[in-house]
């Protein structure tokens, strides 16, 4: 391959977005580049007073079928693809009267403006570009000789380089632009596949498709640790119009990799509980992707105070998510404490003024996550990706079954849905102890998570954290994210005074577990559904 500078003598220009095109074509004219163009782009350039060669004179055919056929032709594609340094190609091009095109400037039909919206099917289909991807791929493939501009953001650098090199472009720049072009076309094709499949296939069929469309959003300062690089991409993995990646950042320093992970955890658990407790205020506080504070209360400030006091040590430096607009009272509370990120549907003007005094605090404005988003989750492992649909089930829909002689009190049953959702967002093995205060607030009183065995989660973590608060253990409800494999977990519950248990059930030792509950007078409900979160 010849790694040489190449002068540009002929350019093919066909763009949907004509932003900054004028300065680009004026630069080409300055170096006496012949400009070939189509349709609306041709008219735009002619209106600038610049001579244009119609694509018809190159293709030998008129535009047809309402503009569906313009650039697709043997002559045009050959002008891009034939190898300039290949003797046989040069001979054939001469025989066929194929003249080289050295530059392609093309951006695609705006399919993304209609995807994910209630666009009519005909409008959506008409915004699938065919000729554009063909021109882009052909010119990118032949980057040894052809320069391709598929992104408006590259115009300025191209103009500068073109001027400096007196009308020539380096091999490296052509190759870099080609790589970017192939990426752009791949993203475009994936977006089309995603949109059509999400509209017309069911979720199971969609999950079988092997594509992922990633759009780079920003480079992060570093990954989980300073020696790791990190980047965030936008992934169309949900039918929802509102995602965390689309949140408006109102203030604060750049979000880190860990900030994003914790923000996602906070937003999800807060939203889950908000969706089953309408009319209440919910605050979630996350530390290392686990809820350390979680509360439901009549007012936002009450929920904040309860969540913070649930584990004030862990709340320090945490990520918070609010179900309602953050007001002045909540902002004043947070201004006295160290926090990293605050997520809410909105912030009052007075609250924003308070936060302005803590400029490093990141404020993210995003609506509560929808109850059902048909989302799929992607996780990388060495050499591959794991994909699954998100666990969007909630406590309200769980098929609760009383399996013990003792029933739960009505007060304890009020905690069940809240507790199931709280435990669902703990890293397994997860144990949640939830409690209703004298003021009627629902709170996460103790947690145990991320342990190799369930007994440690209960005995060494959740139990101790709950006891430190001096709350009545017999009024709490214990939720386990998976079944109790043996009766020993029930024995520990009895030791500490737990009288209400919710667990999935399904162990071969279920009868022994239930027998132990009956022996100790403990009430147990089974859900029939596990909520592991690794």
Protein backbone atom coordinates (compact mmCIF):
# COMPACT_ATOMS: atom_id res chain seq x y z
CA UNK A 1 0.00 0.00 0.00
CA UNK A 2 1.34 3.41 -0.97
CA UNK A 3 1.51 5.62 2.12
CA UNK A 4 1.73 8.90 0.23
CA UNK A 5 0.05 12.28 0.26
CA UNK A 6 -2.74 12.46 -2.31
CA UNK A 7 -3.93 15.59 -4.10
CA UNK A 8 -7.66 16.04 -4.48
CA UNK A 9 -8.94 16.89 -7.95
CA UNK A 10 -12.57 15.72 -7.85
CA UNK A 11 -14.97 15.63 -4.90
CA UNK A 12 -18.42 14.06 -4.51
CA UNK A 13 -20.62 16.02 -2.07
CA UNK A 14 -23.98 14.66 -0.89
CA UNK A 15 -25.10 15.69 2.58
CA UNK A 16 -28.31 15.87 4.57
CA UNK A 17 -26.93 18.29 7.17
CA UNK A 18 -25.40 21.25 5.34
CA UNK A 19 -23.91 22.87 8.45
CA UNK A 20 -20.47 24.39 7.76
CA UNK A 21 -20.54 23.04 4.21
CA UNK A 22 -20.09 26.47 2.64
CA UNK A 23 -16.60 27.06 4.04
CA UNK A 24 -15.60 23.53 3.06
CA UNK A 25 -16.61 23.75 -0.62
CA UNK A 26 -15.19 27.27 -0.88
CA UNK A 27 -11.82 25.84 0.22
CA UNK A 28 -12.08 23.12 -2.41
CA UNK A 29 -12.82 25.66 -5.13
CA UNK A 30 -9.77 27.66 -4.10
CA UNK A 31 -7.66 24.65 -5.09
CA UNK A 32 -9.65 24.13 -8.32
CA UNK A 33 -11.32 20.90 -7.17
CA UNK A 34 -14.22 19.80 -9.38
CA UNK A 35 -17.34 19.35 -7.25
CA UNK A 36 -19.92 16.69 -8.13
CA UNK A 37 -23.21 16.80 -6.28
CA UNK A 38 -26.84 15.69 -6.05
CA UNK A 39 -30.30 17.11 -5.37
CA UNK A 40 -30.60 19.59 -2.52
CA UNK A 41 -26.85 19.63 -1.91
CA UNK A 42 -26.23 20.61 -5.52
CA UNK A 43 -28.69 23.50 -5.26
CA UNK A 44 -27.12 24.66 -1.98
CA UNK A 45 -23.66 24.82 -3.57
CA UNK A 46 -24.96 26.52 -6.72
CA UNK A 47 -26.66 29.16 -4.57
CA UNK A 48 -23.17 29.97 -3.22
CA UNK A 49 -22.15 30.81 -6.78
CA UNK A 50 -19.95 27.74 -7.10
CA UNK A 51 -20.05 25.62 -10.28
CA UNK A 52 -21.24 22.04 -9.74
CA UNK A 53 -21.15 18.93 -11.92
CA UNK A 54 -24.43 17.03 -11.71
CA UNK A 55 -24.18 13.41 -10.54
CA UNK A 56 -26.19 12.49 -13.66
CA UNK A 57 -23.24 13.38 -15.88
CA UNK A 58 -21.11 10.84 -13.98
CA UNK A 59 -23.69 8.07 -13.43
CA UNK A 60 -25.24 8.40 -16.91
CA UNK A 61 -28.71 8.17 -15.38
CA UNK A 62 -31.20 10.67 -13.96
CA UNK A 63 -32.35 10.68 -10.36
CA UNK A 64 -35.32 8.34 -10.02
CA UNK A 65 -37.96 6.95 -7.67
CA UNK A 66 -38.37 10.09 -5.64
CA UNK A 67 -34.64 10.43 -5.03
CA UNK A 68 -34.12 6.82 -3.91
CA UNK A 69 -31.72 6.38 -6.84
CA UNK A 70 -29.07 9.06 -7.28
CA UNK A 71 -25.50 8.04 -6.64
CA UNK A 72 -25.88 4.26 -6.84
CA UNK A 73 -24.33 3.34 -10.17
CA UNK A 74 -21.44 1.46 -11.71
CA UNK A 75 -19.58 4.61 -12.85
CA UNK A 76 -19.81 6.44 -9.50
CA UNK A 77 -18.87 3.45 -7.36
CA UNK A 78 -16.05 2.53 -9.76
CA UNK A 79 -14.69 6.09 -9.49
CA UNK A 80 -14.27 5.49 -5.76
CA UNK A 81 -13.14 1.87 -5.72
CA UNK A 82 -10.59 1.34 -8.48
CA UNK A 83 -7.01 1.10 -7.21
CA UNK A 84 -4.88 4.04 -8.32
CA UNK A 85 -1.62 2.08 -8.07
CA UNK A 86 -2.86 -1.16 -9.66
CA UNK A 87 -1.87 -1.49 -13.36
CA UNK A 88 -4.85 -3.65 -14.34
CA UNK A 89 -7.32 -1.38 -12.49
CA UNK A 90 -5.85 1.67 -14.20
CA UNK A 91 -6.10 0.01 -17.59
CA UNK A 92 -9.73 -1.02 -17.01
CA UNK A 93 -10.66 2.43 -15.70
CA UNK A 94 -9.25 3.96 -18.89
CA UNK A 95 -11.16 1.52 -21.10
CA UNK A 96 -14.41 2.15 -19.17
CA UNK A 97 -13.81 5.92 -19.10
CA UNK A 98 -13.91 5.94 -15.30
CA UNK A 99 -12.43 9.11 -13.83
CA UNK A 100 -11.25 9.03 -10.22
CA UNK A 101 -13.14 10.74 -7.40
CA UNK A 102 -10.65 11.64 -4.68
CA UNK A 103 -12.90 12.98 -1.91
CA UNK A 104 -16.36 12.04 -0.61
CA UNK A 105 -18.27 14.35 1.71
CA UNK A 106 -21.39 12.63 2.95
CA UNK A 107 -23.58 12.51 6.04
CA UNK A 108 -26.50 10.15 6.24
CA UNK A 109 -30.27 10.55 6.33
CA UNK A 110 -31.26 11.48 9.90
CA UNK A 111 -32.75 8.11 10.88
CA UNK A 112 -31.78 8.79 14.50
CA UNK A 113 -34.19 11.76 14.61
CA UNK A 114 -37.10 9.39 14.04
CA UNK A 115 -35.92 6.32 15.94
CA UNK A 116 -37.47 5.86 19.37
CA UNK A 117 -40.31 8.24 18.54
CA UNK A 118 -43.86 7.70 17.37
CA UNK A 119 -42.88 8.23 13.76
CA UNK A 120 -45.03 6.65 11.09
CA UNK A 121 -43.55 3.53 9.57
CA UNK A 122 -43.34 5.06 6.08
CA UNK A 123 -41.44 8.11 7.37
CA UNK A 124 -39.06 5.88 9.28
CA UNK A 125 -38.32 3.71 6.25
CA UNK A 126 -37.75 6.69 3.95
CA UNK A 127 -35.05 7.89 6.34
CA UNK A 128 -32.98 4.75 5.84
CA UNK A 129 -30.05 5.87 3.70
CA UNK A 130 -28.84 3.45 1.01
CA UNK A 131 -26.63 5.40 -1.36
CA UNK A 132 -24.84 7.24 1.46
CA UNK A 133 -23.48 4.12 3.20
CA UNK A 134 -22.44 2.73 -0.19
CA UNK A 135 -20.41 5.86 -1.01
CA UNK A 136 -18.93 5.99 2.46
CA UNK A 137 -17.91 2.33 2.53
CA UNK A 138 -16.46 2.40 -0.97
CA UNK A 139 -14.35 5.49 -0.33
CA UNK A 140 -13.29 4.29 3.12
CA UNK A 141 -12.24 0.93 1.70
CA UNK A 142 -10.02 2.71 -0.82
CA UNK A 143 -8.44 5.06 1.74
CA UNK A 144 -5.09 4.43 0.09
CA UNK A 145 -6.22 7.03 -2.43
CA UNK A 146 -9.59 8.45 -1.37
CA UNK A 147 -10.42 10.84 1.49
CA UNK A 148 -13.81 10.52 3.16
CA UNK A 149 -15.58 13.00 5.46
CA UNK A 150 -18.57 11.50 7.25
CA UNK A 151 -18.65 13.83 10.27
CA UNK A 152 -19.13 17.60 10.26
CA UNK A 153 -16.77 17.87 13.23
CA UNK A 154 -13.89 16.87 10.91
CA UNK A 155 -14.42 19.72 8.45
CA UNK A 156 -12.34 22.28 10.30
CA UNK A 157 -9.31 20.00 10.65
CA UNK A 158 -9.62 18.95 7.01
CA UNK A 159 -9.70 22.57 5.82
CA UNK A 160 -6.66 23.45 7.90
CA UNK A 161 -4.67 20.43 6.67
CA UNK A 162 -5.79 20.92 3.07
CA UNK A 163 -4.57 24.52 3.10
CA UNK A 164 -1.26 23.68 4.76
CA UNK A 165 -0.52 20.90 2.24
CA UNK A 166 -1.56 22.89 -0.82
CA UNK A 167 -4.49 20.64 -1.69
CA UNK A 168 -3.18 17.28 -0.50
CA UNK A 169 -4.13 14.91 2.35
CA UNK A 170 -1.75 12.52 4.13
CA UNK A 171 -2.15 8.75 4.17
CA UNK A 172 -2.55 8.69 7.95
CA UNK A 173 -5.36 11.24 7.87
CA UNK A 174 -7.14 9.30 5.10
CA UNK A 175 -6.86 6.10 7.11
CA UNK A 176 -8.06 7.73 10.33
CA UNK A 177 -11.06 9.21 8.55
CA UNK A 178 -11.82 5.84 6.96
CA UNK A 179 -11.85 4.11 10.34
CA UNK A 180 -14.19 6.76 11.69
CA UNK A 181 -16.42 6.29 8.67
CA UNK A 182 -16.69 2.53 9.08
CA UNK A 183 -17.60 3.11 12.73
CA UNK A 184 -20.26 5.62 11.73
CA UNK A 185 -21.81 3.27 9.16
CA UNK A 186 -21.79 0.39 11.65
CA UNK A 187 -23.56 2.53 14.25
CA UNK A 188 -26.10 3.61 11.65
CA UNK A 189 -26.88 0.04 10.61
CA UNK A 190 -27.19 -1.08 14.22
CA UNK A 191 -29.55 1.78 14.98
CA UNK A 192 -31.82 0.70 12.12
CA UNK A 193 -31.76 -2.94 13.24
CA UNK A 194 -32.49 -1.94 16.83
CA UNK A 195 -35.36 0.39 15.95
CA UNK A 196 -37.11 -2.01 13.59
CA UNK A 197 -36.69 -5.01 15.89
CA UNK A 198 -37.90 -3.08 18.94
CA UNK A 199 -41.01 -2.05 16.99
CA UNK A 200 -41.88 -5.30 15.31
CA UNK A 201 -40.28 -8.17 17.25
CA UNK A 202 -41.07 -9.35 20.76
CA UNK A 203 -38.49 -9.04 23.55
CA UNK A 204 -37.32 -12.65 23.25
CA UNK A 205 -36.61 -12.30 19.52
CA UNK A 206 -34.85 -8.98 20.14
CA UNK A 207 -32.61 -10.62 22.72
CA UNK A 208 -31.44 -13.14 20.13
CA UNK A 209 -30.02 -10.45 17.84
CA UNK A 210 -26.21 -10.08 18.05
CA UNK A 211 -25.85 -6.30 17.65
CA UNK A 212 -25.02 -3.47 20.01
CA UNK A 213 -25.04 0.13 18.85
CA UNK A 214 -22.65 2.20 20.93
CA UNK A 215 -22.32 5.96 20.60
CA UNK A 216 -19.31 7.48 22.39
CA UNK A 217 -20.46 10.05 24.93
CA UNK A 218 -17.34 11.15 26.76
CA UNK A 219 -13.98 10.03 28.07
CA UNK A 220 -13.85 9.79 31.86
CA UNK A 221 -10.96 10.86 34.04
CA UNK A 222 -10.13 7.22 34.75
CA UNK A 223 -11.76 3.89 35.54
CA UNK A 224 -12.35 2.20 38.87
CA UNK A 225 -8.74 3.09 39.70
CA UNK A 226 -6.47 5.90 38.45
CA UNK A 227 -4.34 3.55 36.34
CA UNK A 228 -7.37 2.40 34.28
CA UNK A 229 -8.80 4.31 31.30
CA UNK A 230 -12.56 4.70 31.04
CA UNK A 231 -15.17 5.94 28.59
CA UNK A 232 -18.96 6.15 28.65
CA UNK A 233 -21.07 5.22 25.65
CA UNK A 234 -24.74 5.64 24.92
CA UNK A 235 -26.37 2.26 24.32
CA UNK A 236 -29.90 1.90 23.01
CA UNK A 237 -30.85 -0.94 25.36
CA UNK A 238 -34.29 0.23 26.44
CA UNK A 239 -37.55 1.50 24.97
CA UNK A 240 -37.63 4.29 27.54
CA UNK A 241 -37.29 7.91 26.44
CA UNK A 242 -35.46 8.79 29.66
CA UNK A 243 -32.23 7.07 30.63
CA UNK A 244 -29.53 7.93 33.11
CA UNK A 245 -27.04 8.60 30.31
CA UNK A 246 -29.44 11.27 29.02
CA UNK A 247 -29.53 13.07 32.38
CA UNK A 248 -28.86 16.80 32.29
CA UNK A 249 -25.76 17.62 34.32
CA UNK A 250 -26.58 20.92 36.03
CA UNK A 251 -23.30 21.40 37.85
CA UNK A 252 -20.27 19.69 39.33
CA UNK A 253 -16.96 18.27 38.25
CA UNK A 254 -16.72 15.48 35.72
CA UNK A 255 -18.47 12.26 36.74
CA UNK A 256 -16.10 9.37 37.28
CA UNK A 257 -16.56 5.72 36.33
CA UNK A 258 -17.54 4.86 39.91
CA UNK A 259 -19.88 7.87 40.08
CA UNK A 260 -21.80 6.56 37.08
CA UNK A 261 -22.06 3.04 38.53
CA UNK A 262 -23.32 4.36 41.88
CA UNK A 263 -25.67 6.84 40.20
CA UNK A 264 -27.23 4.03 38.22
CA UNK A 265 -27.73 1.96 41.38
CA UNK A 266 -29.27 4.90 43.25
CA UNK A 267 -31.59 5.85 40.40
CA UNK A 268 -32.80 2.28 39.94
CA UNK A 269 -33.66 1.49 43.56
CA UNK A 270 -35.29 4.89 44.13
CA UNK A 271 -37.34 4.49 40.97
CA UNK A 272 -38.39 0.94 41.79
CA UNK A 273 -39.81 2.01 45.14
CA UNK A 274 -41.33 5.23 43.78
CA UNK A 275 -43.27 3.22 41.21
CA UNK A 276 -44.99 1.12 43.91
CA UNK A 277 -45.54 3.85 46.52
CA UNK A 278 -47.30 6.73 44.73
CA UNK A 279 -47.81 9.91 46.68
CA UNK A 280 -44.80 9.31 48.94
CA UNK A 281 -41.27 10.71 48.94
CA UNK A 282 -38.32 8.35 48.50
CA UNK A 283 -34.61 8.91 49.01
CA UNK A 284 -31.90 6.34 48.23
CA UNK A 285 -28.27 6.68 49.27
CA UNK A 286 -25.71 4.47 47.56
CA UNK A 287 -22.18 3.55 48.55
CA UNK A 288 -20.16 1.21 46.35
CA UNK A 289 -23.27 0.26 44.33
CA UNK A 290 -25.23 -0.85 47.43
CA UNK A 291 -28.03 0.98 49.23
CA UNK A 292 -26.73 2.15 52.61
CA UNK A 293 -29.72 4.42 53.21
CA UNK A 294 -33.25 4.06 51.90
CA UNK A 295 -36.48 5.57 53.16
CA UNK A 296 -40.12 6.28 52.31
CA UNK A 297 -41.80 9.20 54.09
CA UNK A 298 -44.59 11.77 53.65
CA UNK A 299 -42.11 14.55 52.79
CA UNK A 300 -38.77 14.63 51.00
CA UNK A 301 -36.85 16.08 53.94
CA UNK A 302 -38.20 13.35 56.23
CA UNK A 303 -37.15 10.69 53.74
CA UNK A 304 -33.71 12.28 53.44
CA UNK A 305 -33.19 12.45 57.21
CA UNK A 306 -34.33 8.85 57.67
CA UNK A 307 -32.19 7.53 54.81
CA UNK A 308 -29.12 9.44 56.00
CA UNK A 309 -29.48 8.24 59.58
CA UNK A 310 -29.92 4.68 58.36
CA UNK A 311 -26.11 4.58 58.03
CA UNK A 312 -24.67 8.05 58.51
CA UNK A 313 -21.09 6.81 58.30
CA UNK A 314 -21.58 5.15 54.91
CA UNK A 315 -23.78 8.03 53.68
CA UNK A 316 -20.72 10.29 53.91
CA UNK A 317 -19.45 10.67 50.34
CA UNK A 318 -22.47 8.85 48.95
CA UNK A 319 -24.60 9.18 45.83
CA UNK A 320 -28.22 10.20 46.44
CA UNK A 321 -31.38 9.80 44.35
CA UNK A 322 -34.64 11.66 45.07
CA UNK A 323 -38.13 10.83 43.86
CA UNK A 324 -39.20 14.49 43.81
CA UNK A 325 -37.67 17.88 43.07
CA UNK A 326 -34.98 18.75 45.59
CA UNK A 327 -36.05 21.81 47.59
CA UNK A 328 -34.26 24.35 49.78
CA UNK A 329 -34.67 22.33 52.97
CA UNK A 330 -33.03 19.23 51.46
CA UNK A 331 -30.27 21.32 49.88
CA UNK A 332 -29.47 22.92 53.24
CA UNK A 333 -29.28 19.49 54.86
CA UNK A 334 -26.89 18.21 52.20
CA UNK A 335 -24.76 21.35 52.27
CA UNK A 336 -23.65 20.37 55.77
CA UNK A 337 -22.47 16.94 54.61
CA UNK A 338 -19.99 15.59 52.08
CA UNK A 339 -21.72 14.02 49.07
CA UNK A 340 -20.66 13.14 45.53
CA UNK A 341 -23.77 13.11 43.33
CA UNK A 342 -27.43 14.14 43.65
CA UNK A 343 -30.00 12.77 41.19
CA UNK A 344 -33.54 14.16 41.03
CA UNK A 345 -36.34 14.95 38.57
CA UNK A 346 -35.68 18.63 39.25
CA UNK A 347 -34.12 21.17 41.63
CA UNK A 348 -35.72 24.35 42.93
CA UNK A 349 -34.04 27.67 42.16
CA UNK A 350 -33.29 28.13 45.87
CA UNK A 351 -31.76 24.65 46.09
CA UNK A 352 -29.49 25.33 43.11
CA UNK A 353 -28.19 28.49 44.79
CA UNK A 354 -27.21 26.45 47.84
CA UNK A 355 -25.45 23.82 45.75
CA UNK A 356 -23.51 26.48 43.86
CA UNK A 357 -21.47 26.92 47.03
CA UNK A 358 -20.36 23.29 46.65
CA UNK A 359 -19.26 23.39 43.03
CA UNK A 360 -17.78 19.87 42.99
CA UNK A 361 -21.12 18.24 43.80
CA UNK A 362 -22.63 16.78 40.62
CA UNK A 363 -26.31 17.47 40.09
CA UNK A 364 -28.13 15.23 37.59
CA UNK A 365 -31.62 16.10 36.42
CA UNK A 366 -33.50 13.04 35.15
CA UNK A 367 -37.08 11.75 35.57
CA UNK A 368 -37.86 8.71 37.67
CA UNK A 369 -37.11 5.52 35.76
CA UNK A 370 -40.21 4.04 34.16
CA UNK A 371 -41.75 1.00 35.79
CA UNK A 372 -41.25 -1.19 32.71
CA UNK A 373 -38.55 -0.23 30.23
CA UNK A 374 -37.99 -3.55 28.42
CA UNK A 375 -34.29 -3.02 29.12
CA UNK A 376 -31.50 -5.46 28.49
CA UNK A 377 -28.30 -5.51 30.52
CA UNK A 378 -24.84 -6.14 29.08
CA UNK A 379 -21.81 -7.21 31.09
CA UNK A 380 -18.39 -8.01 29.71
CA UNK A 381 -16.30 -11.01 30.65
CA UNK A 382 -12.97 -12.11 29.23
CA UNK A 383 -13.54 -12.74 25.55
CA UNK A 384 -17.27 -12.11 25.52
CA UNK A 385 -20.45 -10.41 26.61
CA UNK A 386 -23.26 -11.59 28.85
CA UNK A 387 -26.69 -10.24 28.02
CA UNK A 388 -29.97 -10.52 29.90
CA UNK A 389 -33.21 -8.62 30.31
CA UNK A 390 -33.31 -6.44 33.43
CA UNK A 391 -35.07 -7.72 36.57
CA UNK A 392 -38.06 -5.37 36.34
CA UNK A 393 -40.33 -7.34 38.68
CA UNK A 394 -41.39 -5.71 41.95
CA UNK A 395 -42.81 -6.60 45.33
CA UNK A 396 -46.38 -5.77 44.43
CA UNK A 397 -46.49 -8.48 41.77
CA UNK A 398 -44.80 -11.18 43.86
CA UNK A 399 -47.05 -14.23 44.49
CA UNK A 400 -46.70 -14.09 48.28
CA UNK A 401 -47.51 -17.30 50.11
CA UNK A 402 -47.81 -17.79 53.86
CA UNK A 403 -45.99 -21.04 54.69
CA UNK A 404 -45.97 -20.88 58.50
CA UNK A 405 -48.60 -21.28 61.21
CA UNK A 406 -47.91 -17.75 62.40
CA UNK A 407 -49.07 -14.94 60.13
CA UNK A 408 -47.50 -11.52 59.83
CA UNK A 409 -49.18 -8.56 61.45
CA UNK A 410 -50.73 -5.93 59.19
CA UNK A 411 -47.93 -3.54 60.22
CA UNK A 412 -45.29 -6.03 59.11
CA UNK A 413 -47.06 -6.66 55.80
CA UNK A 414 -46.83 -2.93 55.03
CA UNK A 415 -43.05 -3.38 54.89
CA UNK A 416 -42.96 -6.36 52.54
CA UNK A 417 -42.97 -4.61 49.15
CA UNK A 418 -40.50 -1.99 50.32
CA UNK A 419 -38.26 -4.69 51.77
CA UNK A 420 -38.30 -6.89 48.67
CA UNK A 421 -37.25 -3.97 46.47
CA UNK A 422 -34.59 -2.83 48.94
CA UNK A 423 -33.10 -6.32 49.07
CA UNK A 424 -33.36 -6.72 45.30
CA UNK A 425 -30.77 -3.95 44.89
CA UNK A 426 -28.25 -5.36 47.38
CA UNK A 427 -25.35 -7.37 46.05
CA UNK A 428 -25.92 -11.05 46.80
CA UNK A 429 -25.87 -12.71 49.19
CA UNK A 430 -28.30 -10.02 50.29
CA UNK A 431 -30.17 -9.62 53.57
CA UNK A 432 -32.31 -6.53 54.26
CA UNK A 433 -33.92 -5.58 57.55
CA UNK A 434 -36.67 -3.00 57.11
CA UNK A 435 -38.59 -1.10 59.74
CA UNK A 436 -41.51 1.29 60.17
CA UNK A 437 -40.77 4.15 62.55
CA UNK A 438 -43.20 5.70 65.01
CA UNK A 439 -43.64 8.56 62.53
CA UNK A 440 -44.72 6.13 59.82
CA UNK A 441 -41.50 6.24 57.80
CA UNK A 442 -40.27 3.08 56.09
CA UNK A 443 -36.53 2.66 56.46
CA UNK A 444 -33.70 0.29 55.68
CA UNK A 445 -32.54 -0.58 59.20
CA UNK A 446 -29.79 -3.10 58.47
CA UNK A 447 -28.12 -4.69 55.45
CA UNK A 448 -25.79 -7.54 54.69
CA UNK A 449 -24.50 -8.00 51.16
CA UNK A 450 -21.64 -9.24 49.03
CA UNK A 451 -20.83 -12.12 51.36
CA UNK A 452 -19.90 -15.68 50.32
CA UNK A 453 -22.64 -17.07 52.58
CA UNK A 454 -26.04 -15.86 53.79
CA UNK A 455 -25.31 -16.46 57.48
CA UNK A 456 -22.49 -13.89 57.43
CA UNK A 457 -24.75 -11.38 55.68
CA UNK A 458 -27.30 -11.81 58.45
CA UNK A 459 -25.24 -12.40 61.58
CA UNK A 460 -22.14 -10.29 60.96
CA UNK A 461 -23.64 -7.38 59.04
CA UNK A 462 -27.43 -6.84 58.97
CA UNK A 463 -27.99 -7.91 62.57
CA UNK A 464 -25.22 -5.72 63.98
CA UNK A 465 -26.23 -2.66 61.96
CA UNK A 466 -29.85 -2.95 63.06
CA UNK A 467 -28.95 -3.51 66.71
CA UNK A 468 -26.82 -0.37 66.75
CA UNK A 469 -29.94 1.69 66.11
CA UNK A 470 -31.74 0.28 69.16
CA UNK A 471 -34.84 -0.58 67.12
CA UNK A 472 -37.31 -3.29 68.10
CA UNK A 473 -36.14 -6.37 66.19
CA UNK A 474 -39.49 -8.12 66.48
CA UNK A 475 -41.10 -5.26 64.51
CA UNK A 476 -38.71 -5.63 61.58
CA UNK A 477 -39.14 -7.70 58.45
CA UNK A 478 -36.14 -9.63 57.15
CA UNK A 479 -35.90 -10.17 53.39
CA UNK A 480 -33.46 -12.56 51.75
CA UNK A 481 -32.63 -12.26 48.05
CA UNK A 482 -32.54 -16.08 47.70
CA UNK A 483 -33.87 -19.07 49.57
CA UNK A 484 -32.66 -20.20 52.99
CA UNK A 485 -30.75 -23.42 52.21
CA UNK A 486 -30.87 -24.63 55.81
CA UNK A 487 -32.69 -23.94 59.04
CA UNK A 488 -29.59 -22.33 60.59
CA UNK A 489 -30.58 -18.91 59.16
CA UNK A 490 -33.91 -19.15 60.99
CA UNK A 491 -32.08 -20.06 64.20
CA UNK A 492 -30.00 -16.88 63.91
CA UNK A 493 -33.19 -14.87 63.29
CA UNK A 494 -34.63 -16.31 66.48
CA UNK A 495 -31.46 -15.47 68.43
CA UNK A 496 -31.69 -11.78 67.52
CA UNK A 497 -35.47 -11.53 67.85
CA UNK A 498 -36.60 -11.43 64.21
CA UNK A 499 -40.23 -12.52 63.91
CA UNK A 500 -40.98 -11.81 60.20
CA UNK A 501 -39.19 -13.32 57.21
CA UNK A 502 -39.70 -13.01 53.44
CA UNK A 503 -37.70 -15.30 51.15
CA UNK A 504 -38.17 -16.92 47.72
CA UNK A 505 -38.38 -20.51 48.91
CA UNK A 506 -37.44 -23.43 46.68
CA UNK A 507 -34.75 -25.16 48.74
CA UNK A 508 -34.87 -28.92 49.15
CA UNK A 509 -34.74 -28.11 52.87
CA UNK A 510 -37.83 -25.87 52.76
CA UNK A 511 -39.76 -28.16 55.11
CA UNK A 512 -36.99 -27.94 57.73
CA UNK A 513 -36.85 -24.15 57.37
CA UNK A 514 -40.62 -23.85 57.83
CA UNK A 515 -40.55 -26.27 60.75
CA UNK A 516 -37.92 -24.11 62.47
CA UNK A 517 -40.07 -21.00 61.95
CA UNK A 518 -43.07 -22.77 63.48
CA UNK A 519 -40.96 -23.88 66.41
CA UNK A 520 -39.90 -20.29 67.14
CA UNK A 521 -43.21 -18.62 66.31
CA UNK A 522 -41.76 -16.80 63.29
CA UNK A 523 -43.95 -15.76 60.35
CA UNK A 524 -42.62 -16.51 56.89
CA UNK A 525 -43.82 -15.54 53.43
CA UNK A 526 -42.32 -17.00 50.26
CA UNK A 527 -42.31 -15.15 46.96
CA UNK A 528 -41.36 -17.89 44.51
CA UNK A 529 -38.98 -15.44 42.86
CA UNK A 530 -35.26 -14.88 43.44
CA UNK A 531 -33.59 -11.46 43.06
CA UNK A 532 -29.84 -12.08 42.83
CA UNK A 533 -27.68 -9.10 41.89
CA UNK A 534 -24.04 -10.08 41.31
